[in-house]
Amino acid sequence: MNPNWQPKPYKNYKYLVKDPALLGGSLAIRGTRLPVWQILEGLANGMTLKDFDESFGGFPKEALTEIFQVAKELVEENDDLAA
């Protein structure tokens, strides 16, 4: 792999990336191999930010705002489809 390679950003987000060369194209946090679904699942199961830091070596906390924004967008899209 090219040492200068950078994953493709997801939409206009600063901390979220979505690239087929990283985690099979799963939405992930830039600079990590941590998929967004894993963060949402952990939060849903009661994990704290401290738990994430201890388990995964940390990630930019600013990414949480973007994760929740994407989750909101996806829920709104699904609501529109179901209407």
N, C-alpha and C. Protein backbone atom coordinates (compact mmCIF):
# COMPACT_ATOMS: atom_id res chain seq x y z
N MET A 1 0.85 -1.18 0.00
CA MET A 1 0.00 0.00 0.00
C MET A 1 0.89 1.24 0.00
N ASN A 2 0.46 2.26 -0.67
CA ASN A 2 1.17 3.53 -0.75
C ASN A 2 1.27 4.15 0.65
N PRO A 3 2.50 4.52 1.09
CA PRO A 3 2.64 5.09 2.43
C PRO A 3 1.93 6.44 2.59
N ASN A 4 1.59 7.09 1.49
CA ASN A 4 0.88 8.38 1.54
C ASN A 4 -0.63 8.22 1.41
N TRP A 5 -1.09 6.97 1.34
CA TRP A 5 -2.51 6.70 1.16
C TRP A 5 -3.32 7.26 2.32
N GLN A 6 -4.44 7.84 1.99
CA GLN A 6 -5.41 8.33 2.98
C GLN A 6 -6.77 7.79 2.60
N PRO A 7 -7.56 7.31 3.57
CA PRO A 7 -8.90 6.83 3.24
C PRO A 7 -9.78 7.98 2.77
N LYS A 8 -10.77 7.62 1.96
CA LYS A 8 -11.69 8.62 1.43
C LYS A 8 -12.62 9.13 2.54
N PRO A 9 -12.78 10.44 2.61
CA PRO A 9 -13.69 10.97 3.63
C PRO A 9 -15.13 10.58 3.31
N TYR A 10 -15.94 10.49 4.34
CA TYR A 10 -17.36 10.22 4.16
C TYR A 10 -18.08 11.55 4.10
N LYS A 11 -18.70 11.80 2.96
CA LYS A 11 -19.39 13.06 2.71
C LYS A 11 -18.45 14.22 3.04
N ASN A 12 -18.89 15.17 3.83
CA ASN A 12 -18.04 16.30 4.19
C ASN A 12 -17.57 16.22 5.64
N TYR A 13 -17.53 15.02 6.18
CA TYR A 13 -17.15 14.85 7.57
C TYR A 13 -15.64 14.86 7.73
N LYS A 14 -15.18 15.43 8.82
CA LYS A 14 -13.75 15.53 9.11
C LYS A 14 -13.19 14.23 9.69
N TYR A 15 -13.96 13.58 10.57
CA TYR A 15 -13.45 12.43 11.30
C TYR A 15 -13.93 11.08 10.78
N LEU A 16 -14.90 11.07 9.88
CA LEU A 16 -15.44 9.81 9.39
C LEU A 16 -14.96 9.54 7.98
N VAL A 17 -14.60 8.28 7.74
CA VAL A 17 -14.13 7.85 6.43
C VAL A 17 -14.89 6.62 6.00
N LYS A 18 -14.95 6.43 4.69
CA LYS A 18 -15.58 5.24 4.12
C LYS A 18 -14.82 4.92 2.85
N ASP A 19 -14.01 3.87 2.91
CA ASP A 19 -13.13 3.53 1.80
C ASP A 19 -13.06 2.02 1.69
N PRO A 20 -13.21 1.48 0.46
CA PRO A 20 -13.15 0.03 0.31
C PRO A 20 -11.84 -0.59 0.78
N ALA A 21 -10.77 0.21 0.82
CA ALA A 21 -9.47 -0.30 1.25
C ALA A 21 -9.32 -0.33 2.77
N LEU A 22 -10.31 0.16 3.49
CA LEU A 22 -10.27 0.18 4.95
C LEU A 22 -11.51 -0.51 5.50
N LEU A 23 -11.31 -1.59 6.21
CA LEU A 23 -12.41 -2.33 6.85
C LEU A 23 -13.50 -2.71 5.86
N GLY A 24 -13.11 -3.00 4.62
CA GLY A 24 -14.08 -3.43 3.61
C GLY A 24 -15.10 -2.38 3.25
N GLY A 25 -14.77 -1.12 3.52
CA GLY A 25 -15.69 -0.04 3.17
C GLY A 25 -16.65 0.35 4.28
N SER A 26 -16.48 -0.24 5.47
CA SER A 26 -17.33 0.16 6.60
C SER A 26 -17.01 1.59 7.02
N LEU A 27 -18.00 2.30 7.46
CA LEU A 27 -17.81 3.65 7.98
C LEU A 27 -16.92 3.54 9.21
N ALA A 28 -15.84 4.34 9.25
CA ALA A 28 -14.86 4.24 10.32
C ALA A 28 -14.39 5.62 10.75
N ILE A 29 -13.66 5.66 11.86
CA ILE A 29 -13.09 6.90 12.35
C ILE A 29 -11.70 7.07 11.75
N ARG A 30 -11.47 8.24 11.19
CA ARG A 30 -10.18 8.54 10.57
C ARG A 30 -9.04 8.29 11.55
N GLY A 31 -7.98 7.68 11.04
CA GLY A 31 -6.79 7.42 11.84
C GLY A 31 -6.88 6.18 12.72
N THR A 32 -7.99 5.43 12.58
CA THR A 32 -8.17 4.21 13.37
C THR A 32 -8.66 3.10 12.46
N ARG A 33 -8.77 1.92 13.02
CA ARG A 33 -9.45 0.82 12.34
C ARG A 33 -10.72 0.49 13.12
N LEU A 34 -11.32 1.53 13.65
CA LEU A 34 -12.50 1.38 14.50
C LEU A 34 -13.75 1.74 13.71
N PRO A 35 -14.59 0.75 13.41
CA PRO A 35 -15.81 1.03 12.67
C PRO A 35 -16.86 1.74 13.53
N VAL A 36 -17.62 2.58 12.89
CA VAL A 36 -18.67 3.34 13.58
C VAL A 36 -19.68 2.41 14.24
N TRP A 37 -20.03 1.32 13.59
CA TRP A 37 -21.03 0.42 14.17
C TRP A 37 -20.56 -0.10 15.53
N GLN A 38 -19.25 -0.30 15.68
CA GLN A 38 -18.73 -0.84 16.93
C GLN A 38 -18.87 0.19 18.07
N ILE A 39 -18.70 1.45 17.74
CA ILE A 39 -18.88 2.49 18.75
C ILE A 39 -20.35 2.58 19.16
N LEU A 40 -21.24 2.59 18.17
CA LEU A 40 -22.68 2.65 18.48
C LEU A 40 -23.12 1.44 19.29
N GLU A 41 -22.64 0.26 18.91
CA GLU A 41 -22.99 -0.95 19.64
C GLU A 41 -22.48 -0.88 21.08
N GLY A 42 -21.25 -0.41 21.26
CA GLY A 42 -20.69 -0.29 22.60
C GLY A 42 -21.46 0.68 23.46
N LEU A 43 -21.79 1.84 22.89
CA LEU A 43 -22.58 2.82 23.63
C LEU A 43 -23.95 2.26 24.00
N ALA A 44 -24.57 1.55 23.07
CA ALA A 44 -25.89 0.95 23.33
C ALA A 44 -25.82 -0.09 24.44
N ASN A 45 -24.64 -0.71 24.59
CA ASN A 45 -24.45 -1.73 25.62
C ASN A 45 -23.85 -1.18 26.90
N GLY A 46 -23.78 0.17 27.02
CA GLY A 46 -23.35 0.78 28.27
C GLY A 46 -21.88 1.12 28.39
N MET A 47 -21.10 0.97 27.32
CA MET A 47 -19.69 1.35 27.40
C MET A 47 -19.57 2.87 27.57
N THR A 48 -18.55 3.28 28.29
CA THR A 48 -18.25 4.70 28.47
C THR A 48 -17.09 5.08 27.55
N LEU A 49 -16.82 6.37 27.43
CA LEU A 49 -15.67 6.81 26.64
C LEU A 49 -14.37 6.28 27.26
N LYS A 50 -14.33 6.18 28.57
CA LYS A 50 -13.15 5.61 29.23
C LYS A 50 -12.98 4.14 28.82
N ASP A 51 -14.09 3.40 28.74
CA ASP A 51 -14.03 2.00 28.30
C ASP A 51 -13.45 1.91 26.89
N PHE A 52 -13.89 2.81 26.00
CA PHE A 52 -13.36 2.80 24.63
C PHE A 52 -11.87 3.09 24.63
N ASP A 53 -11.44 4.08 25.40
CA ASP A 53 -10.02 4.41 25.47
C ASP A 53 -9.21 3.21 25.93
N GLU A 54 -9.70 2.52 26.94
CA GLU A 54 -8.99 1.35 27.46
C GLU A 54 -9.01 0.18 26.49
N SER A 55 -10.11 0.00 25.79
CA SER A 55 -10.25 -1.15 24.89
C SER A 55 -9.63 -0.94 23.52
N PHE A 56 -9.72 0.28 23.01
CA PHE A 56 -9.33 0.53 21.62
C PHE A 56 -8.23 1.57 21.46
N GLY A 57 -7.66 2.05 22.53
CA GLY A 57 -6.58 3.01 22.42
C GLY A 57 -7.01 4.43 22.11
N GLY A 58 -8.27 4.69 22.21
CA GLY A 58 -8.77 6.04 22.03
C GLY A 58 -9.01 6.43 20.59
N PHE A 59 -9.77 7.47 20.44
CA PHE A 59 -10.09 8.05 19.14
C PHE A 59 -10.50 9.49 19.41
N PRO A 60 -10.50 10.33 18.36
CA PRO A 60 -10.88 11.73 18.61
C PRO A 60 -12.34 11.83 19.09
N LYS A 61 -12.52 12.40 20.25
CA LYS A 61 -13.88 12.50 20.82
C LYS A 61 -14.78 13.38 19.96
N GLU A 62 -14.18 14.27 19.18
CA GLU A 62 -14.97 15.10 18.27
C GLU A 62 -15.70 14.25 17.23
N ALA A 63 -15.21 13.04 17.01
CA ALA A 63 -15.86 12.14 16.06
C ALA A 63 -17.26 11.74 16.51
N LEU A 64 -17.51 11.75 17.82
CA LEU A 64 -18.83 11.36 18.32
C LEU A 64 -19.94 12.24 17.76
N THR A 65 -19.70 13.52 17.66
CA THR A 65 -20.71 14.43 17.10
C THR A 65 -21.05 14.00 15.68
N GLU A 66 -20.03 13.66 14.90
CA GLU A 66 -20.28 13.23 13.52
C GLU A 66 -20.98 11.88 13.48
N ILE A 67 -20.62 10.98 14.37
CA ILE A 67 -21.26 9.67 14.41
C ILE A 67 -22.76 9.83 14.68
N PHE A 68 -23.10 10.66 15.65
CA PHE A 68 -24.51 10.87 15.96
C PHE A 68 -25.24 11.58 14.83
N GLN A 69 -24.57 12.47 14.14
CA GLN A 69 -25.17 13.16 12.99
C GLN A 69 -25.49 12.16 11.88
N VAL A 70 -24.56 11.27 11.59
CA VAL A 70 -24.79 10.26 10.56
C VAL A 70 -25.92 9.32 10.98
N ALA A 71 -25.94 8.92 12.24
CA ALA A 71 -27.02 8.06 12.73
C ALA A 71 -28.36 8.75 12.56
N LYS A 72 -28.43 10.03 12.88
CA LYS A 72 -29.66 10.81 12.72
C LYS A 72 -30.08 10.84 11.25
N GLU A 73 -29.12 11.09 10.36
CA GLU A 73 -29.44 11.12 8.92
C GLU A 73 -29.99 9.79 8.45
N LEU A 74 -29.40 8.70 8.90
CA LEU A 74 -29.85 7.37 8.47
C LEU A 74 -31.25 7.06 8.99
N VAL A 75 -31.53 7.46 10.23
CA VAL A 75 -32.87 7.25 10.78
C VAL A 75 -33.89 8.07 9.99
N GLU A 76 -33.55 9.32 9.68
CA GLU A 76 -34.46 10.16 8.91
C GLU A 76 -34.71 9.57 7.52
N GLU A 77 -33.66 9.05 6.88
CA GLU A 77 -33.83 8.43 5.57
C GLU A 77 -34.76 7.23 5.65
N ASN A 78 -34.58 6.39 6.70
CA ASN A 78 -35.44 5.22 6.85
C ASN A 78 -36.87 5.61 7.15
N ASP A 79 -37.04 6.67 7.95
CA ASP A 79 -38.40 7.15 8.23
C ASP A 79 -39.08 7.61 6.96
N ASP A 80 -38.33 8.32 6.09
CA ASP A 80 -38.88 8.78 4.83
C ASP A 80 -39.28 7.61 3.93
N LEU A 81 -38.46 6.54 3.95
CA LEU A 81 -38.76 5.38 3.12
C LEU A 81 -39.98 4.64 3.62
N ALA A 82 -40.17 4.62 4.94
CA ALA A 82 -41.29 3.88 5.51
C ALA A 82 -42.61 4.63 5.41
N ALA A 83 -42.53 5.93 5.17
CA ALA A 83 -43.76 6.74 5.12
C ALA A 83 -44.56 6.48 3.86
